[in-house]
Amino acid sequence: MEVVIPRNTTIPVKKTSYCQTTKDNQSTASIEVYEGERAIASENNLLGSFKLSGLSPALRGHPMCVCFSVDENGILTVSAKEVSTGIMNEIIITNYKERLSAAEIKELIQEADNYRAEDEKFQQMAKVKSALDFCVYKIESALKKQNINFKLSTPENKKINVAIRMAKKLLDENDLHEVDLLEDHLENLESMFEDITAKIG
């Protein structure tokens, strides 16, 4: 989760964030808007959500632009647009609907302070998992290239496949105590990817 408009920001304000598709040929993206202080999305207050449909067929990483605008009355408008085609959708959240009270916000701020160390560990884990997931994607995409398997020895193929299976297993686990293990595995996979791209030429 990304903080776009921090607490106590002067309004009116307009800020833009960029995100990407997470799968090849992804046709729909879900946009969720939260209010709160925690790094974990589910620990915050969900203000609303909407979908951006009809995305162009493309490889993972296709860019989208998400704009957050708060007017002088506190009304929040969130719009999402596919950069290449201009396809757009939006949601409008008033100052009253689903918003937190001053007392609830104060309580969430205190809660965020209490769980700061846990949230920082969660953010670190999320960052490493994202990098590991993308590295797996790059390797699997490279292995699909024509004739690459003929350029890798049987032991090399086996080693790569074992590493990919282990990475996917680690990505499915939620143990916050394995950040170092994930980082080591990421470093190993990145080295393998460099070797594969060198063989592809």
Protein backbone atom coordinates (compact mmCIF):
# COMPACT_ATOMS: atom_id res chain seq x y z
CA MET A 1 0.00 0.00 0.00
CA GLU A 2 1.23 3.51 -0.86
CA VAL A 3 0.51 6.72 1.05
CA VAL A 4 -0.49 9.34 -1.51
CA ILE A 5 -1.94 12.17 0.60
CA PRO A 6 -0.40 12.23 4.10
CA ARG A 7 -2.35 13.29 7.18
CA ASN A 8 -2.64 17.08 7.74
CA THR A 9 -2.01 17.91 4.07
CA THR A 10 -3.44 21.34 3.22
CA ILE A 11 -6.48 21.20 0.94
CA PRO A 12 -7.37 21.61 -1.84
CA VAL A 13 -4.72 19.19 -3.08
CA LYS A 14 -4.14 16.96 -6.08
CA LYS A 15 -1.55 14.19 -6.24
CA THR A 16 -0.76 11.49 -8.77
CA SER A 17 0.55 7.98 -8.27
CA TYR A 18 1.65 5.44 -10.87
CA CYS A 19 1.09 1.70 -10.69
CA GLN A 20 1.47 -1.27 -13.02
CA THR A 21 -0.34 -4.43 -13.98
CA THR A 22 0.88 -7.53 -12.15
CA LYS A 23 0.06 -10.15 -14.82
CA ASP A 24 0.52 -10.54 -18.56
CA ASN A 25 -2.58 -9.54 -20.57
CA GLN A 26 -4.35 -8.25 -17.47
CA SER A 27 -7.69 -6.76 -18.56
CA THR A 28 -8.95 -5.31 -15.26
CA ALA A 29 -7.31 -3.50 -12.35
CA SER A 30 -8.91 -3.02 -8.92
CA ILE A 31 -8.31 0.29 -7.14
CA GLU A 32 -8.94 0.45 -3.38
CA VAL A 33 -8.87 3.71 -1.40
CA TYR A 34 -8.03 3.63 2.31
CA GLU A 35 -7.87 6.14 5.14
CA GLY A 36 -5.57 5.42 8.05
CA GLU A 37 -2.06 5.27 9.47
CA ARG A 38 -1.03 1.60 9.16
CA ALA A 39 1.23 0.08 6.51
CA ILE A 40 -1.05 -2.95 6.19
CA ALA A 41 -4.06 -2.11 4.01
CA SER A 42 -6.51 -4.30 5.94
CA GLU A 43 -5.69 -2.42 9.16
CA ASN A 44 -7.03 0.85 7.68
CA ASN A 45 -10.50 2.16 6.87
CA LEU A 46 -11.67 1.26 3.35
CA LEU A 47 -13.33 4.33 1.83
CA GLY A 48 -14.26 2.76 -1.47
CA SER A 49 -13.10 0.78 -4.47
CA PHE A 50 -13.62 0.62 -8.22
CA LYS A 51 -12.31 -1.20 -11.27
CA LEU A 52 -10.54 -0.02 -14.39
CA SER A 53 -11.65 -2.41 -17.12
CA GLY A 54 -10.80 -2.88 -20.77
CA LEU A 55 -7.03 -2.64 -20.37
CA SER A 56 -5.00 -3.28 -23.51
CA PRO A 57 -3.37 -6.73 -23.80
CA ALA A 58 0.22 -6.22 -22.67
CA LEU A 59 3.03 -7.75 -20.68
CA ARG A 60 3.12 -7.37 -16.92
CA GLY A 61 4.19 -3.87 -15.88
CA HIS A 62 1.76 -1.98 -18.15
CA PRO A 63 1.45 1.54 -16.60
CA MET A 64 -1.62 3.15 -15.07
CA CYS A 65 -2.00 6.61 -13.59
CA VAL A 66 -4.08 7.12 -10.41
CA CYS A 67 -4.99 10.68 -9.43
CA PHE A 68 -6.18 11.69 -5.94
CA SER A 69 -7.90 15.06 -5.63
CA VAL A 70 -9.40 16.63 -2.48
CA ASP A 71 -11.36 19.86 -2.91
CA GLU A 72 -11.92 22.65 -0.39
CA ASN A 73 -15.01 20.83 0.95
CA GLY A 74 -13.05 17.67 1.70
CA ILE A 75 -14.58 15.70 -1.17
CA LEU A 76 -12.12 13.12 -2.49
CA THR A 77 -12.11 12.10 -6.15
CA VAL A 78 -9.92 9.19 -7.18
CA SER A 79 -9.50 8.47 -10.89
CA ALA A 80 -7.50 5.77 -12.66
CA LYS A 81 -6.37 5.94 -16.28
CA GLU A 82 -4.53 3.57 -18.57
CA VAL A 83 -1.61 5.63 -19.86
CA SER A 84 -1.52 4.23 -23.41
CA THR A 85 -5.24 4.38 -24.27
CA GLY A 86 -6.73 6.95 -21.92
CA ILE A 87 -9.37 4.51 -20.63
CA MET A 88 -10.55 5.98 -17.32
CA ASN A 89 -12.81 5.41 -14.32
CA GLU A 90 -13.26 7.20 -11.00
CA ILE A 91 -14.90 7.21 -7.58
CA ILE A 92 -16.08 10.21 -5.54
CA ILE A 93 -15.97 10.03 -1.74
CA THR A 94 -17.73 12.78 0.22
CA ASN A 95 -16.55 14.23 3.51
CA TYR A 96 -19.18 12.24 5.40
CA LYS A 97 -19.65 8.88 3.73
CA GLU A 98 -17.47 6.20 5.33
CA ARG A 99 -15.03 8.77 6.73
CA LEU A 100 -13.48 8.42 10.19
CA SER A 101 -14.35 10.75 13.05
CA ALA A 102 -11.68 12.85 14.79
CA ALA A 103 -11.73 10.45 17.75
CA GLU A 104 -11.30 7.42 15.47
CA ILE A 105 -8.39 9.09 13.67
CA LYS A 106 -6.70 9.84 17.01
CA GLU A 107 -7.12 6.20 18.01
CA LEU A 108 -5.61 5.01 14.72
CA ILE A 109 -2.62 7.32 15.13
CA GLN A 110 -1.95 5.82 18.56
CA GLU A 111 -2.38 2.32 17.17
CA ALA A 112 0.09 3.08 14.37
CA ASP A 113 2.66 4.22 16.94
CA ASN A 114 2.15 1.01 18.92
CA TYR A 115 2.65 -1.18 15.85
CA ARG A 116 5.35 0.88 14.12
CA ALA A 117 8.05 -1.81 14.37
CA GLU A 118 5.67 -4.49 13.10
CA ASP A 119 4.58 -2.29 10.18
CA GLU A 120 8.18 -1.51 9.22
CA LYS A 121 8.95 -5.23 9.15
CA PHE A 122 5.84 -5.81 7.02
CA GLN A 123 6.92 -3.11 4.55
CA GLN A 124 10.39 -4.62 4.28
CA MET A 125 8.90 -8.07 3.67
CA ALA A 126 6.49 -6.71 1.05
CA LYS A 127 9.32 -4.95 -0.80
CA VAL A 128 11.52 -8.05 -0.92
CA LYS A 129 8.60 -10.30 -1.92
CA SER A 130 7.70 -7.94 -4.76
CA ALA A 131 11.29 -7.99 -6.04
CA LEU A 132 11.47 -11.79 -5.74
CA ASP A 133 8.15 -12.25 -7.54
CA PHE A 134 9.30 -10.02 -10.40
CA CYS A 135 12.61 -11.88 -10.64
CA VAL A 136 10.76 -15.20 -10.95
CA TYR A 137 8.62 -13.64 -13.69
CA LYS A 138 11.72 -12.43 -15.58
CA ILE A 139 13.38 -15.84 -15.42
CA GLU A 140 10.25 -17.72 -16.50
CA SER A 141 9.79 -15.28 -19.39
CA ALA A 142 13.41 -15.72 -20.43
CA LEU A 143 13.10 -19.51 -20.33
CA LYS A 144 10.19 -19.32 -22.77
CA LYS A 145 12.41 -17.77 -25.41
CA GLN A 146 13.10 -20.01 -28.37
CA ASN A 147 16.15 -22.29 -28.11
CA ILE A 148 17.17 -21.13 -24.63
CA ASN A 149 16.78 -24.65 -23.21
CA PHE A 150 19.30 -25.90 -25.74
CA LYS A 151 21.82 -23.41 -24.37
CA LEU A 152 21.44 -24.60 -20.78
CA SER A 153 22.86 -27.85 -19.48
CA THR A 154 20.63 -30.37 -17.71
CA PRO A 155 22.12 -29.49 -14.29
CA GLU A 156 21.58 -25.77 -15.01
CA ASN A 157 17.94 -26.36 -15.96
CA LYS A 158 17.38 -28.43 -12.83
CA LYS A 159 19.03 -25.84 -10.59
CA ILE A 160 16.92 -23.02 -12.04
CA ASN A 161 13.65 -24.96 -11.75
CA VAL A 162 14.39 -25.92 -8.14
CA ALA A 163 15.18 -22.28 -7.30
CA ILE A 164 11.93 -21.09 -8.93
CA ARG A 165 9.87 -23.65 -7.00
CA MET A 166 11.51 -22.59 -3.75
CA ALA A 167 10.89 -18.91 -4.53
CA LYS A 168 7.20 -19.55 -5.19
CA LYS A 169 6.95 -21.49 -1.93
CA LEU A 170 8.53 -18.60 -0.02
CA LEU A 171 6.20 -16.12 -1.71
CA ASP A 172 3.19 -18.11 -0.52
CA GLU A 173 4.35 -17.98 3.09
CA ASN A 174 3.62 -15.09 5.47
CA ASP A 175 6.38 -15.60 8.05
CA LEU A 176 7.75 -12.15 8.87
CA HIS A 177 10.93 -13.69 10.29
CA GLU A 178 12.28 -14.82 6.90
CA VAL A 179 13.30 -11.51 5.32
CA ASP A 180 16.99 -12.50 5.27
CA LEU A 181 16.12 -15.83 3.64
CA LEU A 182 14.10 -14.06 0.95
CA GLU A 183 16.91 -11.60 0.29
CA ASP A 184 19.42 -14.45 -0.09
CA HIS A 185 17.12 -16.27 -2.49
CA LEU A 186 16.52 -13.08 -4.46
CA GLU A 187 20.27 -12.55 -4.84
CA ASN A 188 20.66 -16.14 -6.04
CA LEU A 189 17.86 -15.79 -8.62
CA GLU A 190 19.19 -12.46 -9.89
CA SER A 191 22.55 -14.12 -10.50
CA MET A 192 20.79 -16.92 -12.41
CA PHE A 193 18.89 -14.37 -14.49
CA GLU A 194 22.15 -12.66 -15.46
CA ASP A 195 23.57 -16.02 -16.57
CA ILE A 196 20.44 -16.79 -18.62
CA THR A 197 20.41 -13.41 -20.37
CA ALA A 198 24.11 -13.81 -21.16
CA LYS A 199 23.40 -17.14 -22.86
CA ILE A 200 20.47 -15.68 -24.79
CA GLY A 201 22.81 -13.02 -26.10
